[in-house]
């Protein structure tokens, strides 16, 4: 069961041109504050997106399936605090101070 993060946005990628999907998702994720989440709706398992998140933002997100097809997948992607946050040297990545 996913935690009770504040869901700041729901993105239905089925309405977005395929070449614009991942950039749009990363842009929306970048606007989230630490602890906020976005729900992603797709017509297939977005596993390649998960691997891209792992590569580009390791340790900065959680990924929880809310619905596993077969016609629709829903995933909650929550922004975590940036590594080292709270050390007095905030990098600003999470939107916090």
C-alpha atoms as a PDB file:
ATOM      1  CA  UNK A   1       0.000   0.000   0.000  1.00  0.00           C
ATOM      2  CA  UNK A   2       1.505   3.373  -0.980  1.00  0.00           C
ATOM      3  CA  UNK A   3       1.943   5.923   1.782  1.00  0.00           C
ATOM      4  CA  UNK A   4      -0.376   8.880   2.089  1.00  0.00           C
ATOM      5  CA  UNK A   5       1.687  11.362   0.076  1.00  0.00           C
ATOM      6  CA  UNK A   6       0.036  14.522  -1.168  1.00  0.00           C
ATOM      7  CA  UNK A   7      -0.867  13.869  -4.788  1.00  0.00           C
ATOM      8  CA  UNK A   8      -0.086  17.128  -6.557  1.00  0.00           C
ATOM      9  CA  UNK A   9      -0.892  16.010 -10.109  1.00  0.00           C
ATOM     10  CA  UNK A  10      -2.353  13.235 -12.209  1.00  0.00           C
ATOM     11  CA  UNK A  11      -0.832  12.822 -15.643  1.00  0.00           C
ATOM     12  CA  UNK A  12      -2.656  10.719 -18.212  1.00  0.00           C
ATOM     13  CA  UNK A  13       0.114  10.038 -20.698  1.00  0.00           C
ATOM     14  CA  UNK A  14      -2.272   8.396 -23.153  1.00  0.00           C
ATOM     15  CA  UNK A  15      -3.176  11.929 -24.286  1.00  0.00           C
ATOM     16  CA  UNK A  16       0.483  12.965 -24.813  1.00  0.00           C
ATOM     17  CA  UNK A  17       2.474  12.308 -27.998  1.00  0.00           C
ATOM     18  CA  UNK A  18       4.878   9.410 -27.353  1.00  0.00           C
ATOM     19  CA  UNK A  19       8.065  11.455 -27.911  1.00  0.00           C
ATOM     20  CA  UNK A  20       6.856  14.056 -25.378  1.00  0.00           C
ATOM     21  CA  UNK A  21       5.824  11.656 -22.605  1.00  0.00           C
ATOM     22  CA  UNK A  22       9.040  11.168 -20.642  1.00  0.00           C
ATOM     23  CA  UNK A  23      10.146  14.820 -20.862  1.00  0.00           C
ATOM     24  CA  UNK A  24       6.678  15.923 -19.684  1.00  0.00           C
ATOM     25  CA  UNK A  25       6.751  13.480 -16.785  1.00  0.00           C
ATOM     26  CA  UNK A  26      10.227  14.549 -15.656  1.00  0.00           C
ATOM     27  CA  UNK A  27       9.210  18.215 -15.906  1.00  0.00           C
ATOM     28  CA  UNK A  28       6.148  17.584 -13.722  1.00  0.00           C
ATOM     29  CA  UNK A  29       8.227  15.573 -11.239  1.00  0.00           C
ATOM     30  CA  UNK A  30      10.751  18.405 -11.016  1.00  0.00           C
ATOM     31  CA  UNK A  31       7.988  20.769  -9.894  1.00  0.00           C
ATOM     32  CA  UNK A  32       6.992  18.566  -6.958  1.00  0.00           C
ATOM     33  CA  UNK A  33       8.054  19.476  -3.434  1.00  0.00           C
ATOM     34  CA  UNK A  34       9.589  16.770  -1.251  1.00  0.00           C
ATOM     35  CA  UNK A  35       6.816  14.473  -0.039  1.00  0.00           C
ATOM     36  CA  UNK A  36       4.468  15.299  -2.891  1.00  0.00           C
ATOM     37  CA  UNK A  37       3.514  12.720  -5.489  1.00  0.00           C
ATOM     38  CA  UNK A  38       2.080  12.500  -8.947  1.00  0.00           C
ATOM     39  CA  UNK A  39      -0.119   9.751 -10.322  1.00  0.00           C
ATOM     40  CA  UNK A  40       0.670   8.510 -13.794  1.00  0.00           C
ATOM     41  CA  UNK A  41      -1.969   6.817 -15.981  1.00  0.00           C
ATOM     42  CA  UNK A  42      -0.885   4.748 -18.987  1.00  0.00           C
ATOM     43  CA  UNK A  43      -2.134   2.022 -21.334  1.00  0.00           C
ATOM     44  CA  UNK A  44       0.916  -0.186 -20.662  1.00  0.00           C
ATOM     45  CA  UNK A  45       3.323  -0.910 -17.828  1.00  0.00           C
ATOM     46  CA  UNK A  46       5.651   2.131 -17.623  1.00  0.00           C
ATOM     47  CA  UNK A  47       8.609  -0.022 -16.539  1.00  0.00           C
ATOM     48  CA  UNK A  48      11.068   1.717 -18.977  1.00  0.00           C
ATOM     49  CA  UNK A  49      10.195   5.024 -17.289  1.00  0.00           C
ATOM     50  CA  UNK A  50      10.980   3.466 -13.909  1.00  0.00           C
ATOM     51  CA  UNK A  51      14.444   2.479 -15.145  1.00  0.00           C
ATOM     52  CA  UNK A  52      14.989   5.998 -16.482  1.00  0.00           C
ATOM     53  CA  UNK A  53      14.033   7.438 -13.073  1.00  0.00           C
ATOM     54  CA  UNK A  54      16.480   5.036 -11.401  1.00  0.00           C
ATOM     55  CA  UNK A  55      19.250   6.151 -13.757  1.00  0.00           C
ATOM     56  CA  UNK A  56      18.617   9.892 -13.570  1.00  0.00           C
ATOM     57  CA  UNK A  57      17.233  10.352 -10.031  1.00  0.00           C
ATOM     58  CA  UNK A  58      18.526   7.519  -7.830  1.00  0.00           C
ATOM     59  CA  UNK A  59      17.169   7.672  -4.290  1.00  0.00           C
ATOM     60  CA  UNK A  60      14.982  10.688  -5.044  1.00  0.00           C
ATOM     61  CA  UNK A  61      11.657   8.945  -5.678  1.00  0.00           C
ATOM     62  CA  UNK A  62       9.416   6.065  -4.703  1.00  0.00           C
ATOM     63  CA  UNK A  63       7.358   4.130  -7.237  1.00  0.00           C
ATOM     64  CA  UNK A  64       4.086   2.413  -6.276  1.00  0.00           C
ATOM     65  CA  UNK A  65       1.685   0.602  -8.575  1.00  0.00           C
ATOM     66  CA  UNK A  66      -1.930   1.566  -7.901  1.00  0.00           C
ATOM     67  CA  UNK A  67      -3.377  -0.411 -10.830  1.00  0.00           C
ATOM     68  CA  UNK A  68      -1.699  -3.148 -12.906  1.00  0.00           C
ATOM     69  CA  UNK A  69      -3.599  -3.383 -16.182  1.00  0.00           C
ATOM     70  CA  UNK A  70      -4.488  -5.066 -18.347  1.00  0.00           C
ATOM     71  CA  UNK A  71      -6.208  -2.040 -19.916  1.00  0.00           C
ATOM     72  CA  UNK A  72      -4.814   0.673 -17.653  1.00  0.00           C
ATOM     73  CA  UNK A  73      -1.826   1.113 -15.365  1.00  0.00           C
ATOM     74  CA  UNK A  74      -1.647   3.711 -12.593  1.00  0.00           C
ATOM     75  CA  UNK A  75       1.600   4.491 -10.797  1.00  0.00           C
ATOM     76  CA  UNK A  76       2.257   6.917  -7.933  1.00  0.00           C
ATOM     77  CA  UNK A  77       5.694   8.542  -8.113  1.00  0.00           C
ATOM     78  CA  UNK A  78       6.614  10.358  -4.901  1.00  0.00           C
ATOM     79  CA  UNK A  79       9.468  12.813  -4.566  1.00  0.00           C
ATOM     80  CA  UNK A  80      11.810  12.045  -1.688  1.00  0.00           C
ATOM     81  CA  UNK A  81      14.122  14.396   0.116  1.00  0.00           C
ATOM     82  CA  UNK A  82      17.404  14.810  -1.729  1.00  0.00           C
ATOM     83  CA  UNK A  83      20.336  12.813  -0.321  1.00  0.00           C
ATOM     84  CA  UNK A  84      22.044  14.791   2.419  1.00  0.00           C
ATOM     85  CA  UNK A  85      18.952  16.920   3.092  1.00  0.00           C
ATOM     86  CA  UNK A  86      18.878  18.053   6.660  1.00  0.00           C
ATOM     87  CA  UNK A  87      22.647  18.236   6.888  1.00  0.00           C
ATOM     88  CA  UNK A  88      22.607  22.038   6.795  1.00  0.00           C
ATOM     89  CA  UNK A  89      23.810  22.020   3.206  1.00  0.00           C
ATOM     90  CA  UNK A  90      20.597  21.868   1.195  1.00  0.00           C
ATOM     91  CA  UNK A  91      21.210  21.602  -2.534  1.00  0.00           C
ATOM     92  CA  UNK A  92      17.711  22.933  -3.342  1.00  0.00           C
ATOM     93  CA  UNK A  93      16.784  19.840  -5.387  1.00  0.00           C
ATOM     94  CA  UNK A  94      13.720  19.062  -3.303  1.00  0.00           C
ATOM     95  CA  UNK A  95      12.391  22.587  -3.130  1.00  0.00           C
ATOM     96  CA  UNK A  96      13.052  22.727   0.609  1.00  0.00           C
ATOM     97  CA  UNK A  97      15.581  24.629   2.628  1.00  0.00           C
END
